[in-house]
Amino acid sequence: MSDTNDIAFEAIKAMFETGKIKKMRQLEKLSPTKIAKALGLNYGRYITKLHNPELFVIAELKKLSKVLDIKFKTISEVVIGEVDN
């Protein structure tokens, strides 16, 4: 998890933890290439999943929570909130 000290990831972590991230697509402008790489996804597939969060698999969300050093529940609640509408 070498990227956990990345300042961009710290900012994203803070946005999740303060509730500023309400939709996964908000991440599109926040270091998308770095996050896609950390998740093992190509850029295009990552963007598709941001706009269609039901396409994320649990393993990807778990990995994202580790990369950002936040609770899995924090990210999963955002995704569930989007797909539950």
C-alpha atoms as a PDB file:
ATOM      1  CA  MET A   1       0.000   0.000   0.000  1.00  0.00           C
ATOM      2  CA  SER A   2       2.641   2.494  -0.992  1.00  0.00           C
ATOM      3  CA  ASP A   3       0.005   4.849  -2.344  1.00  0.00           C
ATOM      4  CA  THR A   4      -1.738   5.315   1.005  1.00  0.00           C
ATOM      5  CA  ASN A   5       0.596   8.205   1.776  1.00  0.00           C
ATOM      6  CA  ASP A   6      -0.219   9.900  -1.531  1.00  0.00           C
ATOM      7  CA  ILE A   7      -1.691  13.334  -0.830  1.00  0.00           C
ATOM      8  CA  ALA A   8      -4.433  12.854  -3.443  1.00  0.00           C
ATOM      9  CA  PHE A   9      -5.504   9.623  -1.755  1.00  0.00           C
ATOM     10  CA  GLU A  10      -5.510  11.370   1.614  1.00  0.00           C
ATOM     11  CA  ALA A  11      -7.838  14.025   0.182  1.00  0.00           C
ATOM     12  CA  ILE A  12     -10.180  11.363  -1.224  1.00  0.00           C
ATOM     13  CA  LYS A  13     -10.142   9.562   2.122  1.00  0.00           C
ATOM     14  CA  ALA A  14     -11.148  12.776   3.888  1.00  0.00           C
ATOM     15  CA  MET A  15     -13.939  13.389   1.369  1.00  0.00           C
ATOM     16  CA  PHE A  16     -15.379   9.916   1.977  1.00  0.00           C
ATOM     17  CA  GLU A  17     -15.072  10.220   5.742  1.00  0.00           C
ATOM     18  CA  THR A  18     -16.777  13.627   5.845  1.00  0.00           C
ATOM     19  CA  GLY A  19     -19.592  12.507   3.561  1.00  0.00           C
ATOM     20  CA  LYS A  20     -18.650  14.758   0.648  1.00  0.00           C
ATOM     21  CA  ILE A  21     -18.530  11.784  -1.714  1.00  0.00           C
ATOM     22  CA  LYS A  22     -22.165  10.937  -2.380  1.00  0.00           C
ATOM     23  CA  LYS A  23     -21.711   9.278  -5.768  1.00  0.00           C
ATOM     24  CA  MET A  24     -18.839   7.176  -7.021  1.00  0.00           C
ATOM     25  CA  ARG A  25     -18.653   9.233 -10.219  1.00  0.00           C
ATOM     26  CA  GLN A  26     -17.287  12.107  -8.108  1.00  0.00           C
ATOM     27  CA  LEU A  27     -14.020  10.143  -8.074  1.00  0.00           C
ATOM     28  CA  GLU A  28     -13.661  10.570 -11.837  1.00  0.00           C
ATOM     29  CA  LYS A  29     -11.712  13.815 -11.448  1.00  0.00           C
ATOM     30  CA  LEU A  30      -9.737  12.665  -8.390  1.00  0.00           C
ATOM     31  CA  SER A  31      -6.600  10.766  -9.472  1.00  0.00           C
ATOM     32  CA  PRO A  32      -8.519   8.310 -11.688  1.00  0.00           C
ATOM     33  CA  THR A  33      -5.430   6.826 -13.324  1.00  0.00           C
ATOM     34  CA  LYS A  34      -3.742   6.125  -9.970  1.00  0.00           C
ATOM     35  CA  ILE A  35      -6.864   4.580  -8.481  1.00  0.00           C
ATOM     36  CA  ALA A  36      -7.556   2.470 -11.573  1.00  0.00           C
ATOM     37  CA  LYS A  37      -3.986   1.163 -11.478  1.00  0.00           C
ATOM     38  CA  ALA A  38      -4.215   0.422  -7.745  1.00  0.00           C
ATOM     39  CA  LEU A  39      -7.410  -1.565  -8.383  1.00  0.00           C
ATOM     40  CA  GLY A  40      -5.876  -3.444 -11.302  1.00  0.00           C
ATOM     41  CA  LEU A  41      -8.370  -1.950 -13.762  1.00  0.00           C
ATOM     42  CA  ASN A  42      -7.726  -0.110 -16.977  1.00  0.00           C
ATOM     43  CA  TYR A  43      -8.814   3.523 -17.007  1.00  0.00           C
ATOM     44  CA  GLY A  44     -11.860   3.004 -19.249  1.00  0.00           C
ATOM     45  CA  ARG A  45     -13.237   0.152 -17.173  1.00  0.00           C
ATOM     46  CA  TYR A  46     -12.742   2.135 -13.968  1.00  0.00           C
ATOM     47  CA  ILE A  47     -14.663   5.117 -15.366  1.00  0.00           C
ATOM     48  CA  THR A  48     -17.455   2.798 -16.528  1.00  0.00           C
ATOM     49  CA  LYS A  49     -17.743   1.386 -13.015  1.00  0.00           C
ATOM     50  CA  LEU A  50     -17.796   4.865 -11.478  1.00  0.00           C
ATOM     51  CA  HIS A  51     -20.817   5.721 -13.623  1.00  0.00           C
ATOM     52  CA  ASN A  52     -22.390   2.291 -13.022  1.00  0.00           C
ATOM     53  CA  PRO A  53     -21.335   1.412  -9.472  1.00  0.00           C
ATOM     54  CA  GLU A  54     -23.384  -1.793  -9.501  1.00  0.00           C
ATOM     55  CA  LEU A  55     -20.619  -3.158 -11.760  1.00  0.00           C
ATOM     56  CA  PHE A  56     -18.021  -2.980  -8.982  1.00  0.00           C
ATOM     57  CA  VAL A  57     -17.321  -6.339  -7.407  1.00  0.00           C
ATOM     58  CA  ILE A  58     -16.850  -6.582  -3.669  1.00  0.00           C
ATOM     59  CA  ALA A  59     -13.154  -7.415  -4.054  1.00  0.00           C
ATOM     60  CA  GLU A  60     -12.588  -4.131  -5.922  1.00  0.00           C
ATOM     61  CA  LEU A  61     -14.383  -2.130  -3.257  1.00  0.00           C
ATOM     62  CA  LYS A  62     -12.372  -3.916  -0.538  1.00  0.00           C
ATOM     63  CA  LYS A  63      -9.167  -3.091  -2.389  1.00  0.00           C
ATOM     64  CA  LEU A  64     -10.248   0.542  -2.777  1.00  0.00           C
ATOM     65  CA  SER A  65     -10.937   0.756   0.944  1.00  0.00           C
ATOM     66  CA  LYS A  66      -7.421  -0.547   1.648  1.00  0.00           C
ATOM     67  CA  VAL A  67      -5.788   1.800  -0.856  1.00  0.00           C
ATOM     68  CA  LEU A  68      -7.594   4.787   0.660  1.00  0.00           C
ATOM     69  CA  ASP A  69      -7.200   3.445   4.208  1.00  0.00           C
ATOM     70  CA  ILE A  70     -10.896   3.771   5.026  1.00  0.00           C
ATOM     71  CA  LYS A  71     -13.515   1.350   6.237  1.00  0.00           C
ATOM     72  CA  PHE A  72     -15.105  -0.877   3.596  1.00  0.00           C
ATOM     73  CA  LYS A  73     -18.492   0.109   5.005  1.00  0.00           C
ATOM     74  CA  THR A  74     -17.862   3.768   4.131  1.00  0.00           C
ATOM     75  CA  ILE A  75     -17.409   2.993   0.436  1.00  0.00           C
ATOM     76  CA  SER A  76     -20.070   0.305   0.281  1.00  0.00           C
ATOM     77  CA  GLU A  77     -22.673   2.677   1.737  1.00  0.00           C
ATOM     78  CA  VAL A  78     -22.024   5.148  -1.088  1.00  0.00           C
ATOM     79  CA  VAL A  79     -22.396   2.394  -3.690  1.00  0.00           C
ATOM     80  CA  ILE A  80     -25.521   0.944  -2.068  1.00  0.00           C
ATOM     81  CA  GLY A  81     -27.030   4.418  -1.817  1.00  0.00           C
ATOM     82  CA  GLU A  82     -26.572   4.859  -5.556  1.00  0.00           C
ATOM     83  CA  VAL A  83     -27.837   1.491  -6.715  1.00  0.00           C
ATOM     84  CA  ASP A  84     -30.726   1.445  -4.255  1.00  0.00           C
ATOM     85  CA  ASN A  85     -32.399   4.455  -5.894  1.00  0.00           C
END
